[in-house]
Protein backbone atom coordinates (compact mmCIF):
# COMPACT_ATOMS: atom_id res chain seq x y z
CA MET A 1 0.00 0.00 0.00
CA SER A 2 1.39 3.39 -0.99
CA ALA A 3 1.91 6.20 1.51
CA ILE A 4 -1.12 8.11 0.22
CA GLU A 5 -3.28 4.98 0.37
CA GLN A 6 -2.16 4.37 3.96
CA LYS A 7 -3.04 7.94 4.86
CA PHE A 8 -6.59 7.63 3.59
CA ALA A 9 -7.01 4.10 4.92
CA LYS A 10 -6.63 5.54 8.43
CA LEU A 11 -9.78 7.60 7.92
CA GLY A 12 -11.81 4.36 7.83
CA VAL A 13 -15.32 5.74 7.40
CA GLU A 14 -17.04 2.42 6.65
CA HIS A 15 -18.22 2.14 10.29
CA ALA A 16 -18.48 5.87 11.00
CA PRO A 17 -21.80 7.60 11.70
CA GLY A 18 -23.48 8.60 8.45
CA GLN A 19 -22.64 5.41 6.58
CA GLU A 20 -25.94 3.70 7.32
CA GLY A 21 -27.04 3.86 3.66
CA ARG A 22 -24.00 1.89 2.55
CA GLN A 23 -24.48 -0.52 5.46
CA ARG A 24 -28.07 -1.26 4.52
CA ALA A 25 -27.04 -1.86 0.93
CA ALA A 26 -24.41 -4.42 1.97
CA PRO A 27 -25.30 -8.05 1.20
CA ALA A 28 -26.58 -10.12 4.09
CA ASP A 29 -23.99 -12.30 5.79
CA THR A 30 -25.18 -15.92 5.70
CA ALA A 31 -23.27 -16.58 8.93
CA LEU A 32 -25.51 -14.12 10.71
CA ARG A 33 -28.86 -15.39 9.53
CA GLY A 34 -31.38 -15.83 12.28
CA GLU A 35 -34.96 -15.10 13.20
CA ASN A 36 -35.72 -11.48 12.37
CA LEU A 37 -37.23 -9.40 15.16
CA PRO A 38 -40.29 -7.38 14.09
CA GLY A 39 -40.35 -3.63 14.59
CA ALA A 40 -39.88 -0.33 12.80
CA PRO A 41 -36.29 0.26 11.62
CA VAL A 42 -34.41 2.75 13.80
CA ASP A 43 -31.11 4.40 12.93
CA PHE A 44 -29.28 5.29 16.13
CA SER A 45 -26.18 6.44 14.23
CA HIS A 46 -27.50 10.01 14.18
CA GLY A 47 -30.43 12.05 15.48
CA ASP A 48 -33.81 12.01 13.77
CA VAL A 49 -34.78 15.36 12.25
CA ASN A 50 -36.98 13.96 9.49
CA ASP A 51 -40.30 13.51 11.24
CA ASP A 52 -42.30 15.18 13.99
CA SER A 53 -40.08 13.86 16.81
CA PHE A 54 -37.79 16.89 16.93
CA ALA A 55 -38.65 19.67 14.52
CA PRO A 56 -36.00 22.30 13.73
CA ALA A 57 -35.84 25.42 15.87
CA PRO A 58 -38.65 27.86 14.96
CA GLY A 59 -37.82 30.52 12.40
CA ALA A 60 -34.86 28.70 10.84
CA LEU A 61 -36.47 28.23 7.44
CA VAL A 62 -37.77 31.81 7.44
CA GLU A 63 -34.26 33.15 8.00
CA PHE A 64 -32.82 30.82 5.35
CA VAL A 65 -35.34 32.02 2.76
CA ALA A 66 -34.62 35.64 3.73
CA GLY A 67 -30.95 34.93 3.11
CA VAL A 68 -31.76 33.55 -0.32
CA HIS A 69 -33.71 36.71 -1.14
CA ARG A 70 -30.74 38.84 -0.12
CA GLY A 71 -28.89 37.14 -2.95
CA GLY A 72 -25.21 37.73 -3.53
CA SER A 73 -24.67 39.83 -0.42
CA GLN A 74 -25.57 36.74 1.64
CA ALA A 75 -24.18 34.06 -0.68
CA TYR A 76 -20.71 35.63 -0.90
CA THR A 77 -19.84 36.74 2.61
CA GLU A 78 -16.34 37.19 3.95
CA TYR A 79 -14.51 33.88 4.28
CA ARG A 80 -15.02 33.89 8.03
CA GLY A 81 -18.72 34.75 7.70
CA ALA A 82 -20.91 37.83 7.39
CA ALA A 83 -19.46 40.59 9.58
CA ARG A 84 -22.69 41.83 11.17
CA LEU A 85 -23.81 38.27 11.84
CA ARG A 86 -20.49 37.43 13.50
CA ASP A 87 -20.97 40.36 15.85
CA GLU A 88 -24.46 39.14 16.76
CA VAL A 89 -23.29 35.57 17.34
CA ALA A 90 -20.25 36.74 19.33
CA ALA A 91 -22.50 38.68 21.72
CA LYS A 92 -24.70 35.63 22.29
CA LEU A 93 -21.75 33.29 22.87
CA ALA A 94 -19.96 35.75 25.14
CA ALA A 95 -23.04 35.90 27.37
CA TYR A 96 -23.34 32.10 27.26
CA THR A 97 -19.71 31.22 27.98
CA GLY A 98 -18.87 34.06 30.38
CA ARG A 99 -16.04 35.79 28.53
CA PRO A 100 -15.98 38.57 25.87
CA ILE A 101 -15.57 37.66 22.19
CA SER A 102 -14.63 39.96 19.34
CA GLY A 103 -16.83 39.05 16.39
CA GLY A 104 -14.40 40.74 14.02
CA GLU A 105 -11.19 39.07 15.19
CA GLU A 106 -11.97 36.06 17.38
CA LEU A 107 -14.81 34.18 15.67
CA ILE A 108 -15.29 32.26 12.43
CA ILE A 109 -18.42 30.64 10.98
CA THR A 110 -17.65 27.24 9.44
CA PRO A 111 -19.38 24.50 7.40
CA GLY A 112 -20.64 22.62 10.43
CA THR A 113 -18.74 21.94 13.64
CA GLN A 114 -16.95 19.19 11.71
CA GLY A 115 -15.44 21.92 9.54
CA ALA A 116 -14.49 23.92 12.63
CA LEU A 117 -12.81 20.87 14.14
CA PHE A 118 -10.66 20.29 11.06
CA LEU A 119 -9.70 23.96 10.77
CA ALA A 120 -8.86 24.30 14.47
CA LEU A 121 -6.74 21.17 14.59
CA ALA A 122 -4.95 21.90 11.31
CA SER A 123 -4.20 25.41 12.59
CA SER A 124 -2.73 24.08 15.84
CA ALA A 125 -0.77 20.95 14.90
CA THR A 126 1.27 19.65 11.99
CA ALA A 127 3.18 16.55 10.95
CA GLY A 128 5.40 15.23 13.73
CA ASP A 129 3.58 17.06 16.53
CA ARG A 130 2.07 15.23 19.50
CA VAL A 131 -1.65 15.77 20.12
CA ALA A 132 -3.40 14.58 23.27
CA ILE A 133 -6.93 13.27 22.76
CA VAL A 134 -9.40 11.66 25.12
CA GLN A 135 -10.46 8.05 24.59
CA PRO A 136 -13.32 7.51 24.10
CA ASP A 137 -14.19 10.73 22.33
CA TYR A 138 -15.64 11.97 19.05
CA PHE A 139 -14.87 9.58 16.19
CA ALA A 140 -13.12 12.13 13.95
CA ASN A 141 -10.56 13.31 16.52
CA ARG A 142 -8.12 10.42 16.26
CA LYS A 143 -8.54 10.14 12.49
CA LEU A 144 -7.85 13.82 11.86
CA VAL A 145 -4.73 13.80 14.03
CA GLU A 146 -3.35 10.80 12.14
CA PHE A 147 -4.32 12.28 8.76
CA LEU A 148 -2.34 15.41 9.57
CA GLY A 149 0.69 13.26 10.31
CA ALA A 150 0.70 14.08 14.00
CA GLU A 151 1.04 11.53 16.79
CA VAL A 152 -1.93 10.62 18.97
CA VAL A 153 -1.24 10.69 22.70
CA PRO A 154 -4.28 9.00 24.29
CA VAL A 155 -5.69 10.10 27.63
CA ARG A 156 -8.09 7.69 29.32
CA LEU A 157 -11.63 8.66 30.33
CA ASP A 158 -12.60 6.26 33.12
CA TYR A 159 -16.27 7.11 32.84
CA LEU A 160 -17.76 3.96 34.37
CA THR A 161 -15.85 4.27 37.64
CA HIS A 162 -16.96 7.77 38.60
CA ASP A 163 -20.35 9.39 38.98
CA ASP A 164 -19.29 12.79 40.34
CA ARG A 165 -17.03 13.74 37.42
CA ALA A 166 -16.26 12.72 33.86
CA GLY A 167 -13.36 10.51 34.94
CA LEU A 168 -10.48 12.02 32.95
CA ASP A 169 -7.10 10.58 33.99
CA LEU A 170 -5.49 13.90 34.91
CA GLY A 171 -2.16 12.26 35.73
CA GLN A 172 -2.05 10.78 32.25
CA LEU A 173 -2.96 14.18 30.81
CA GLU A 174 -0.03 15.82 32.58
CA ARG A 175 2.31 13.09 31.37
CA ALA A 176 1.06 13.71 27.82
CA PHE A 177 1.90 17.41 28.13
CA ASP A 178 5.23 16.64 29.79
CA SER A 179 6.09 14.33 26.88
CA GLY A 180 5.67 17.17 24.39
CA ALA A 181 1.97 17.25 23.44
CA ARG A 182 1.16 20.90 22.76
CA THR A 183 -2.42 20.46 21.57
CA PHE A 184 -5.26 18.88 23.54
CA LEU A 185 -8.61 18.09 21.94
CA PHE A 186 -11.71 17.01 23.87
CA SER A 187 -15.50 17.23 23.80
CA ASN A 188 -17.57 18.51 26.72
CA PRO A 189 -20.15 17.02 27.08
CA ASN A 190 -18.29 13.94 25.94
CA ASN A 191 -19.41 12.30 22.72
CA PRO A 192 -20.10 9.30 22.93
CA VAL A 193 -20.62 8.95 26.70
CA GLY A 194 -22.61 12.10 27.52
CA VAL A 195 -20.68 12.94 30.70
CA ILE A 196 -19.85 16.50 31.77
CA TYR A 197 -16.44 17.50 33.07
CA ALA A 198 -16.61 18.59 36.69
CA PRO A 199 -15.40 22.10 37.63
CA SER A 200 -12.33 20.53 39.30
CA GLU A 201 -11.43 18.71 36.06
CA ILE A 202 -11.82 21.87 33.97
CA GLU A 203 -9.70 23.82 36.47
CA ARG A 204 -6.95 21.20 36.30
CA ILE A 205 -7.02 21.13 32.49
CA ALA A 206 -6.67 24.93 32.48
CA THR A 207 -3.79 24.87 34.99
CA LEU A 208 -1.86 22.22 33.07
CA ALA A 209 -2.48 23.90 29.70
CA ASP A 210 -1.10 27.18 31.03
CA ARG A 211 1.89 25.50 32.65
CA TYR A 212 2.92 23.67 29.48
CA GLY A 213 1.76 26.21 26.89
CA VAL A 214 -0.79 23.84 25.38
CA THR A 215 -3.52 24.90 22.93
CA VAL A 216 -6.84 23.34 23.97
CA ILE A 217 -9.61 22.72 21.46
CA ALA A 218 -12.90 22.34 23.34
CA ASP A 219 -15.78 20.85 21.37
CA GLN A 220 -18.93 22.04 23.20
CA LEU A 221 -21.51 21.09 20.60
CA TYR A 222 -23.96 19.55 23.08
CA SER A 223 -23.47 22.01 25.93
CA ARG A 224 -27.02 23.40 25.65
CA LEU A 225 -28.74 20.02 26.05
CA LEU A 226 -28.04 19.63 29.77
CA TYR A 227 -30.02 17.50 32.19
CA PRO A 228 -30.65 18.68 35.78
CA GLY A 229 -28.17 17.85 38.51
CA ARG A 230 -24.76 18.79 37.13
CA VAL A 231 -22.97 22.14 36.75
CA TYR A 232 -21.45 22.91 33.34
CA THR A 233 -18.14 24.81 33.29
CA HIS A 234 -16.93 26.55 30.13
CA LEU A 235 -13.18 26.11 29.78
CA ARG A 236 -12.72 29.57 28.30
CA ALA A 237 -14.33 31.11 31.40
CA SER A 238 -11.91 29.29 33.72
CA PRO A 239 -8.56 30.78 34.83
CA ILE A 240 -6.82 29.89 31.56
CA ALA A 241 -4.90 32.13 29.21
CA GLY A 242 -7.36 33.25 26.52
CA GLY A 243 -4.75 32.63 23.83
CA ASN A 244 -4.78 28.93 24.64
CA VAL A 245 -8.41 27.97 23.97
CA VAL A 246 -10.45 27.45 20.82
CA THR A 247 -14.11 26.67 21.53
CA ILE A 248 -16.32 24.96 18.96
CA MET A 249 -20.12 25.16 18.99
CA GLY A 250 -22.99 25.31 16.56
CA PRO A 251 -26.72 24.82 16.02
CA SER A 252 -26.91 21.15 15.18
CA LYS A 253 -28.38 18.11 16.94
CA THR A 254 -29.82 20.01 19.90
CA GLU A 255 -31.71 22.44 17.65
CA SER A 256 -32.29 19.90 14.83
CA LEU A 257 -30.48 22.19 12.39
CA SER A 258 -27.74 19.79 11.25
CA GLY A 259 -28.75 20.02 7.61
CA TYR A 260 -27.83 23.70 7.40
CA ARG A 261 -24.17 22.78 8.05
CA LEU A 262 -23.29 25.57 10.48
CA GLY A 263 -20.52 25.69 13.03
CA VAL A 264 -18.76 28.41 14.97
CA ALA A 265 -15.24 28.53 16.41
CA PHE A 266 -14.00 31.30 18.68
CA GLY A 267 -10.62 31.84 20.24
CA PRO A 268 -7.36 33.77 19.88
CA ALA A 269 -7.14 35.99 16.79
CA ARG A 270 -3.90 34.36 15.60
CA LEU A 271 -5.60 30.95 15.35
CA ILE A 272 -8.83 32.32 13.87
CA ASP A 273 -6.70 34.04 11.20
CA ARG A 274 -5.08 30.71 10.33
CA MET A 275 -8.46 29.02 10.23
CA GLU A 276 -9.81 31.65 7.85
CA LYS A 277 -6.85 31.19 5.47
CA LEU A 278 -7.41 27.44 5.44
CA GLN A 279 -11.18 27.76 5.04
CA ALA A 280 -10.63 30.08 2.06
CA ILE A 281 -8.81 27.21 0.33
CA VAL A 282 -10.91 24.26 1.51
CA SER A 283 -14.50 25.53 1.30
CA LEU A 284 -14.36 29.33 0.85
CA ARG A 285 -16.95 29.92 3.60
CA ALA A 286 -19.83 28.37 5.47
CA PRO A 287 -22.90 27.99 3.21
CA GLY A 288 -23.84 31.60 2.51
CA TYR A 289 -27.63 31.35 2.68
CA SER A 290 -27.43 29.03 5.69
CA GLN A 291 -25.46 31.55 7.71
CA ALA A 292 -28.65 33.57 8.15
CA VAL A 293 -30.11 30.72 10.23
CA LEU A 294 -27.70 31.67 13.03
CA ARG A 295 -30.01 34.59 13.79
CA THR A 296 -32.40 32.09 15.42
CA TRP A 297 -29.69 30.50 17.58
CA PHE A 298 -30.15 31.21 21.30
CA ASP A 299 -33.36 33.08 20.36
CA GLU A 300 -35.77 30.15 20.50
CA PRO A 301 -39.22 30.85 22.04
CA ALA A 302 -39.48 30.82 25.82
CA GLY A 303 -39.68 27.25 27.11
CA TRP A 304 -38.64 25.68 23.81
CA MET A 305 -35.25 24.41 25.02
CA GLU A 306 -36.66 23.24 28.34
CA ALA A 307 -39.29 21.19 26.51
CA ARG A 308 -36.69 19.66 24.23
CA ILE A 309 -34.52 18.68 27.20
CA ALA A 310 -37.53 17.12 28.96
CA GLN A 311 -38.37 15.06 25.87
CA HIS A 312 -34.82 13.75 25.59
CA ARG A 313 -34.65 13.00 29.28
CA ALA A 314 -37.81 10.90 29.09
CA ILE A 315 -36.40 8.85 26.20
CA ARG A 316 -33.04 8.51 27.95
CA ASP A 317 -34.61 7.18 31.13
CA ASP A 318 -36.79 4.61 29.35
CA LEU A 319 -33.83 3.29 27.35
CA LEU A 320 -31.67 3.12 30.46
CA ARG A 321 -34.30 1.07 32.27
CA ALA A 322 -34.27 -1.50 29.48
CA MET A 323 -30.48 -1.64 29.32
CA LEU A 324 -29.83 -1.80 33.04
CA ALA A 325 -31.98 -4.94 33.25
CA VAL A 326 -29.44 -6.80 31.08
CA PRO A 327 -27.00 -8.89 33.17
CA GLY A 328 -23.41 -7.91 32.52
CA LEU A 329 -24.22 -4.67 30.66
CA ALA A 330 -22.72 -1.46 32.04
CA VAL A 331 -23.80 2.06 31.07
CA ARG A 332 -23.46 5.47 32.63
CA THR A 333 -26.40 7.83 32.74
CA PRO A 334 -25.75 10.67 30.27
CA GLU A 335 -25.68 14.10 31.89
CA ALA A 336 -26.04 15.95 28.59
CA GLY A 337 -26.57 15.34 24.90
CA SER A 338 -28.45 12.47 23.30
CA TYR A 339 -26.00 9.56 23.43
CA LEU A 340 -25.83 6.24 25.26
CA PHE A 341 -22.59 4.27 25.26
CA PRO A 342 -23.29 0.87 26.84
CA ARG A 343 -20.53 -1.67 27.42
CA LEU A 344 -21.94 -5.01 26.34
CA PRO A 345 -21.55 -8.33 28.13
CA ALA A 346 -19.32 -10.94 26.52
CA LEU A 347 -20.78 -12.06 23.19
CA SER A 348 -20.18 -15.10 20.99
CA MET A 349 -19.15 -12.90 18.05
CA SER A 350 -17.06 -9.83 17.33
CA LEU A 351 -18.43 -6.36 17.90
CA HIS A 352 -18.68 -5.60 14.17
CA ASP A 353 -20.50 -8.89 13.55
CA PHE A 354 -22.95 -8.00 16.32
CA VAL A 355 -23.49 -4.52 14.85
CA ARG A 356 -24.21 -6.17 11.50
CA ALA A 357 -26.58 -8.66 13.14
CA LEU A 358 -28.48 -5.78 14.74
CA ARG A 359 -28.91 -4.18 11.35
CA GLN A 360 -29.93 -7.36 9.51
CA GLN A 361 -32.04 -9.13 12.13
CA ALA A 362 -33.44 -6.30 14.25
CA GLY A 363 -33.52 -3.34 11.87
CA VAL A 364 -31.40 -1.32 14.29
CA THR A 365 -28.36 0.69 13.23
CA VAL A 366 -25.77 1.60 15.89
CA THR A 367 -22.18 2.82 15.77
CA PRO A 368 -19.45 0.45 17.04
CA GLY A 369 -17.48 1.74 20.02
CA THR A 370 -14.20 1.31 18.16
CA GLU A 371 -15.03 4.49 16.24
CA PHE A 372 -14.48 6.38 19.49
CA SER A 373 -11.57 4.43 20.98
CA PRO A 374 -9.54 1.39 19.89
CA GLN A 375 -10.15 0.06 23.41
CA ALA A 376 -13.96 0.23 23.11
CA GLY A 377 -14.40 -3.04 21.25
CA ASP A 378 -17.15 -4.07 23.66
CA SER A 379 -19.32 -0.94 23.33
CA ILE A 380 -21.87 0.60 20.99
CA ARG A 381 -23.17 4.15 20.67
CA LEU A 382 -26.82 5.08 20.27
CA ASN A 383 -28.14 8.54 19.48
CA PHE A 384 -31.51 8.50 21.24
CA SER A 385 -32.79 11.71 19.66
CA GLN A 386 -35.51 9.60 18.03
CA ASN A 387 -39.21 8.95 18.08
CA HIS A 388 -39.79 7.88 21.68
CA ALA A 389 -41.83 4.72 21.11
CA ALA A 390 -39.70 3.59 18.16
CA ALA A 391 -36.51 4.07 20.19
CA VAL A 392 -37.84 2.00 23.09
CA GLY A 393 -38.91 -0.78 20.72
CA ALA A 394 -35.53 -0.76 19.02
CA VAL A 395 -33.62 -1.03 22.30
CA GLU A 396 -35.87 -3.92 23.34
CA ARG A 397 -34.76 -5.69 20.15
CA VAL A 398 -31.12 -4.87 20.95
CA VAL A 399 -31.60 -6.50 24.35
CA ARG A 400 -33.07 -9.62 22.77
CA LEU A 401 -30.13 -9.93 20.38
CA ILE A 402 -27.69 -9.53 23.26
CA ASP A 403 -29.37 -12.49 24.91
CA ARG A 404 -29.34 -14.43 21.66
CA TYR A 405 -25.61 -13.96 21.12
CA ARG A 406 -24.41 -13.94 24.70
CA ALA A 407 -21.20 -15.92 25.10
């Protein structure tokens, strides 16, 4: 295999979220034939925004159409996004995260938070650098680091042992920084587990980043979908040097606006400048008409977000009840977001064979845990932002297949 083939082989998207169409089209494996379990197909690889379960935030389409009518002035904004809109978004995010933001110099609008993640990482690390990442964490983190030619320095998240904090191994984090890692990338709330970093963990991350001069990229995509009982701490509002933090957010799963492909990154001007230069080459700008949808962000009707959180919490709790009744299965209650990351009991087949069996025999699509950590070969991720009844039925079928294929 050539060097370029090896580079792209590491991206390995065949099991990544969003590949469910290809997975359904794959031929059935005769070795996995068994009695099919009746029930409506459910795709837990991403959130459902296609039916009445979770409609997009009110006013989004109106703003999009208004952007279309503005024509070229909206379609061809500055590379980092429309100037007036950046000022508006910066004011909202400053109030939300507890620290001022200059819309002109410290914020960029990107094609989704995925685009922001790529730009931020590519602006902070290069070939030969060491980058600390949490495991498990968002599936693209490890792949992007390797694609850029940097070295992954894993930091363990011991999420099943703790219930008062996320469980980050802070000693391992310090050793990663001491060994030369000068970029640290993590999601808070964590994707796939749904845990929130405790204030003490955020404070320690900030202290270590300052001590070692580390740039921290904080992916806070799900920070608005918080369940009661846990305090959320924004890293950029902690005692950390402002030049060391890039924060990534956007209206996506929580607001059911993923299809507009909008993300926002804010941080030190020197890094935002780099990100703009790279965006100008890679994609020019975030979708011009879509940028207008950001006017609805943080301006949802009174009670709208609270109702959405309550709906997700009800689904979460019903799915947890079904899972926790399974002998040998371990799962932590998500404190935010819409993900469950159960560790399965020992099975008579590999994880990927079980994922395929779920798809073929139960009509349930999940993401294998190995997308989020090489050590998570006994876990699956489910996005429970779905129709409530359909999600419960699907998890009941998952439970039955676990029993069928238990070692």
